[in-house]
Amino acid sequence: MPESAATGDVYQIKTIGKFEGQVVMNVNYFSLSGSGDADVLTHLVLVWLQCFIDNILPVLPNGYSLEKAVWKKVSPTLGPEFESIPTGSTSGGGSGEWLPSFCAALISLSTTRPGRSGKGRMYIPGIPENASVESFLDPTEPYWAALLAFAACVVLNFIHPDGGVGTDSWDMMVYSRKIGGSALPYPGSGFAAVREVAPQRLIATQRSRKQGHGI
């Protein structure tokens, strides 16, 4: 039976891949703003994965592979955990050399909540060497265009400034542990809806993705 959701339910999606043989992961949150969803997998998880597969995966180095999405309800109650394994080619479509594993493209997530509690970040692993100029992403290269296309896909599917319309409408969220705490299930007060998805040209770093450090 498909997993169903009610208005205000929040789901966590962990997008898990491997880069240079070690696990890399992004954790994102989505709240149902529509009047109900009878199939969370179809209307949320697979739509999210398709944004990544269609736009980001083709430009990532062949040292990256998309493994699975792990997802569950985290607010207002805690639900069971599910795994969804993408079909088709799941390896990066790029070739050639890439920057070190701890270099990443940064996508900033902004909400209407003031201060740091209203900001979120996504780090995309695997930057092709020819996609950078000094410390910045080259705006003339396909990699930068792919980040912009991914952001546009997220905005189209998961940002509704005027509220969700009908059923199956999901909003991307940022969660603040400072406000909501770290214990599951998370309270609704810790979440704020994303209103802007903005790739950054300055190359970011993540110590946690340095070889031997983990995710």
Protein backbone atom coordinates (compact mmCIF):
# COMPACT_ATOMS: atom_id res chain seq x y z
CA MET A 1 0.00 0.00 0.00
CA PRO A 2 1.42 3.43 -0.92
CA GLU A 3 2.51 5.76 1.87
CA SER A 4 -0.04 8.56 2.32
CA ALA A 5 0.34 11.98 3.93
CA ALA A 6 -1.92 14.63 5.44
CA THR A 7 -1.64 18.41 5.27
CA GLY A 8 1.28 19.59 7.42
CA ASP A 9 3.14 16.28 7.43
CA VAL A 10 6.89 16.77 6.96
CA TYR A 11 9.12 14.19 5.28
CA GLN A 12 12.88 13.90 5.34
CA ILE A 13 14.66 12.68 2.20
CA LYS A 14 18.28 11.56 2.32
CA THR A 15 19.77 11.49 -1.18
CA ILE A 16 22.66 9.06 -0.90
CA GLY A 17 25.44 8.50 -3.40
CA LYS A 18 29.07 7.43 -3.57
CA PHE A 19 31.96 9.57 -4.70
CA GLU A 20 35.50 8.21 -4.89
CA GLY A 21 34.25 5.13 -3.01
CA GLN A 22 32.85 6.91 0.04
CA VAL A 23 29.27 7.77 0.97
CA VAL A 24 28.02 11.31 0.27
CA MET A 25 24.59 12.50 1.34
CA ASN A 26 22.17 15.41 1.21
CA VAL A 27 19.34 15.71 3.73
CA ASN A 28 16.26 17.74 2.76
CA TYR A 29 12.79 18.34 4.20
CA PHE A 30 9.39 18.74 2.55
CA SER A 31 5.98 19.63 3.99
CA LEU A 32 2.65 18.76 2.40
CA SER A 33 0.82 22.04 1.79
CA GLY A 34 -1.89 20.49 -0.35
CA SER A 35 -5.06 18.88 0.97
CA GLY A 36 -3.60 15.36 1.00
CA ASP A 37 -1.36 12.93 -0.86
CA ALA A 38 -2.22 9.28 -1.38
CA ASP A 39 1.23 8.36 -2.71
CA VAL A 40 4.26 10.14 -1.21
CA LEU A 41 6.72 8.07 -3.22
CA THR A 42 5.26 9.10 -6.57
CA HIS A 43 4.46 12.74 -5.87
CA LEU A 44 7.42 13.68 -3.65
CA VAL A 45 10.35 11.28 -3.59
CA LEU A 46 10.46 10.37 -7.27
CA VAL A 47 9.89 13.98 -8.36
CA TRP A 48 12.80 15.08 -6.15
CA LEU A 49 15.06 12.34 -7.52
CA GLN A 50 14.11 13.19 -11.09
CA CYS A 51 15.20 16.80 -10.61
CA PHE A 52 18.61 15.48 -9.55
CA ILE A 53 18.83 12.75 -12.22
CA ASP A 54 17.76 14.98 -15.11
CA ASN A 55 19.87 18.01 -14.26
CA ILE A 56 22.80 17.21 -11.95
CA LEU A 57 23.72 13.59 -12.68
CA PRO A 58 24.67 14.12 -16.37
CA VAL A 59 27.37 16.68 -15.47
CA LEU A 60 28.83 14.93 -12.42
CA PRO A 61 32.11 13.03 -12.87
CA ASN A 62 31.96 9.30 -13.53
CA GLY A 63 33.49 8.85 -10.08
CA TYR A 64 30.03 9.60 -8.64
CA SER A 65 27.10 7.18 -8.45
CA LEU A 66 23.59 7.76 -7.11
CA GLU A 67 22.73 4.93 -4.72
CA LYS A 68 19.27 5.53 -3.24
CA ALA A 69 16.86 7.82 -1.43
CA VAL A 70 16.01 7.05 2.20
CA TRP A 71 12.86 8.80 3.39
CA LYS A 72 10.44 8.99 6.31
CA LYS A 73 7.90 11.22 8.04
CA VAL A 74 9.55 13.28 10.79
CA SER A 75 6.72 15.66 11.85
CA PRO A 76 4.26 15.84 13.57
CA THR A 77 4.81 12.13 14.24
CA LEU A 78 7.62 9.77 13.29
CA GLY A 79 6.91 7.30 10.50
CA PRO A 80 8.65 4.18 9.18
CA GLU A 81 11.75 4.52 7.00
CA PHE A 82 11.65 3.59 3.32
CA GLU A 83 14.34 3.11 0.67
CA SER A 84 13.88 3.91 -3.02
CA ILE A 85 16.53 2.83 -5.52
CA PRO A 86 16.58 4.80 -8.81
CA THR A 87 16.38 2.89 -12.07
CA GLY A 88 18.43 3.35 -15.22
CA SER A 89 21.93 4.80 -15.30
CA THR A 90 22.96 6.15 -11.92
CA SER A 91 26.58 7.10 -12.64
CA GLY A 92 27.82 10.58 -13.34
CA GLY A 93 27.78 11.32 -17.05
CA GLY A 94 30.95 13.42 -17.10
CA SER A 95 34.48 12.33 -17.93
CA GLY A 96 37.94 13.65 -17.24
CA GLU A 97 39.47 14.89 -14.01
CA TRP A 98 37.63 16.43 -11.08
CA LEU A 99 38.44 18.58 -8.08
CA PRO A 100 39.24 16.94 -4.69
CA SER A 101 36.35 15.22 -2.91
CA PHE A 102 36.06 17.95 -0.27
CA CYS A 103 35.28 20.60 -2.91
CA ALA A 104 31.57 21.05 -3.56
CA ALA A 105 29.07 23.25 -5.32
CA LEU A 106 26.95 25.18 -2.84
CA ILE A 107 23.22 25.84 -3.26
CA SER A 108 21.82 28.32 -0.74
CA LEU A 109 18.26 27.88 0.56
CA SER A 110 16.54 30.99 1.91
CA THR A 111 13.25 31.32 3.82
CA THR A 112 11.30 34.28 5.23
CA ARG A 113 12.58 33.44 8.73
CA PRO A 114 15.23 36.01 9.76
CA GLY A 115 18.76 35.13 10.80
CA ARG A 116 20.77 31.94 10.41
CA SER A 117 17.80 29.81 11.50
CA GLY A 118 16.12 30.73 8.23
CA LYS A 119 19.00 29.63 6.02
CA GLY A 120 19.86 26.22 4.61
CA ARG A 121 22.50 24.74 2.35
CA MET A 122 22.96 21.91 -0.12
CA TYR A 123 26.43 20.72 -1.09
CA ILE A 124 26.72 18.95 -4.45
CA PRO A 125 29.79 16.67 -4.62
CA GLY A 126 32.01 16.19 -7.62
CA ILE A 127 33.07 19.29 -9.54
CA PRO A 128 34.67 18.62 -12.94
CA GLU A 129 38.09 20.27 -13.22
CA ASN A 130 37.11 22.13 -16.38
CA ALA A 131 34.03 23.59 -14.63
CA SER A 132 36.12 25.88 -12.43
CA VAL A 133 38.12 29.06 -12.90
CA GLU A 134 40.43 29.65 -9.95
CA SER A 135 38.10 29.48 -6.90
CA PHE A 136 34.83 29.91 -8.82
CA LEU A 137 32.54 27.86 -11.01
CA ASP A 138 32.82 28.89 -14.64
CA PRO A 139 29.44 30.34 -15.75
CA THR A 140 30.18 29.40 -19.37
CA GLU A 141 30.46 25.67 -18.62
CA PRO A 142 27.59 23.10 -18.67
CA TYR A 143 28.10 22.36 -14.95
CA TRP A 144 26.92 25.84 -13.94
CA ALA A 145 23.97 25.65 -16.32
CA ALA A 146 23.04 22.29 -14.76
CA LEU A 147 23.01 23.79 -11.25
CA LEU A 148 20.71 26.57 -12.44
CA ALA A 149 18.42 24.04 -14.14
CA PHE A 150 18.29 21.93 -10.95
CA ALA A 151 17.39 25.01 -8.91
CA ALA A 152 14.64 25.88 -11.40
CA CYS A 153 13.25 22.33 -11.14
CA VAL A 154 13.15 22.57 -7.35
CA VAL A 155 11.42 25.96 -7.49
CA LEU A 156 8.85 24.69 -10.00
CA ASN A 157 7.94 21.61 -7.98
CA PHE A 158 8.55 22.52 -4.35
CA ILE A 159 8.12 26.26 -3.79
CA HIS A 160 4.60 27.73 -3.51
CA PRO A 161 4.69 31.29 -2.11
CA ASP A 162 0.91 31.56 -2.41
CA GLY A 163 0.27 28.21 -0.73
CA GLY A 164 -0.24 24.72 -2.12
CA VAL A 165 -3.12 24.22 -4.52
CA GLY A 166 -5.18 21.02 -4.51
CA THR A 167 -3.60 17.71 -3.59
CA ASP A 168 -0.02 16.40 -3.85
CA SER A 169 1.53 19.86 -3.31
CA TRP A 170 4.84 19.79 -1.41
CA ASP A 171 6.95 22.66 -0.07
CA MET A 172 10.70 22.42 0.50
CA MET A 173 11.60 23.33 4.09
CA VAL A 174 14.60 24.31 6.19
CA TYR A 175 14.77 22.89 9.73
CA SER A 176 16.40 24.76 12.60
CA ARG A 177 17.65 22.58 15.45
CA LYS A 178 18.19 25.76 17.45
CA ILE A 179 14.43 26.36 17.40
CA GLY A 180 13.01 22.84 17.18
CA GLY A 181 15.67 20.74 18.89
CA SER A 182 17.27 17.52 17.68
CA ALA A 183 14.86 14.92 19.04
CA LEU A 184 12.50 13.12 16.67
CA PRO A 185 9.71 13.69 15.84
CA TYR A 186 10.52 17.29 15.02
CA PRO A 187 8.06 20.02 16.08
CA GLY A 188 6.46 22.07 13.34
CA SER A 189 7.90 25.26 14.86
CA GLY A 190 11.39 24.27 13.68
CA PHE A 191 10.48 24.37 9.98
CA ALA A 192 10.35 27.31 7.58
CA ALA A 193 9.35 27.14 3.91
CA VAL A 194 12.07 27.75 1.32
CA ARG A 195 11.45 30.77 -0.90
CA GLU A 196 14.74 30.97 -2.86
CA VAL A 197 17.11 28.33 -4.25
CA ALA A 198 20.36 29.96 -5.35
CA PRO A 199 23.50 28.20 -6.64
CA GLN A 200 26.72 29.99 -5.64
CA ARG A 201 29.68 30.44 -7.98
CA LEU A 202 32.27 30.41 -5.19
CA ILE A 203 33.44 26.81 -4.68
CA ALA A 204 32.69 25.51 -1.18
CA THR A 205 34.50 22.92 0.91
CA GLN A 206 33.28 20.13 3.20
CA ARG A 207 35.76 18.55 5.54
CA SER A 208 33.34 15.67 6.11
CA ARG A 209 33.78 14.63 2.46
CA LYS A 210 37.56 14.55 2.62
CA GLN A 211 38.82 11.03 2.01
CA GLY A 212 38.68 9.04 5.24
CA HIS A 213 36.36 11.45 7.08
CA GLY A 214 32.91 10.08 6.15
CA ILE A 215 29.86 11.76 4.56
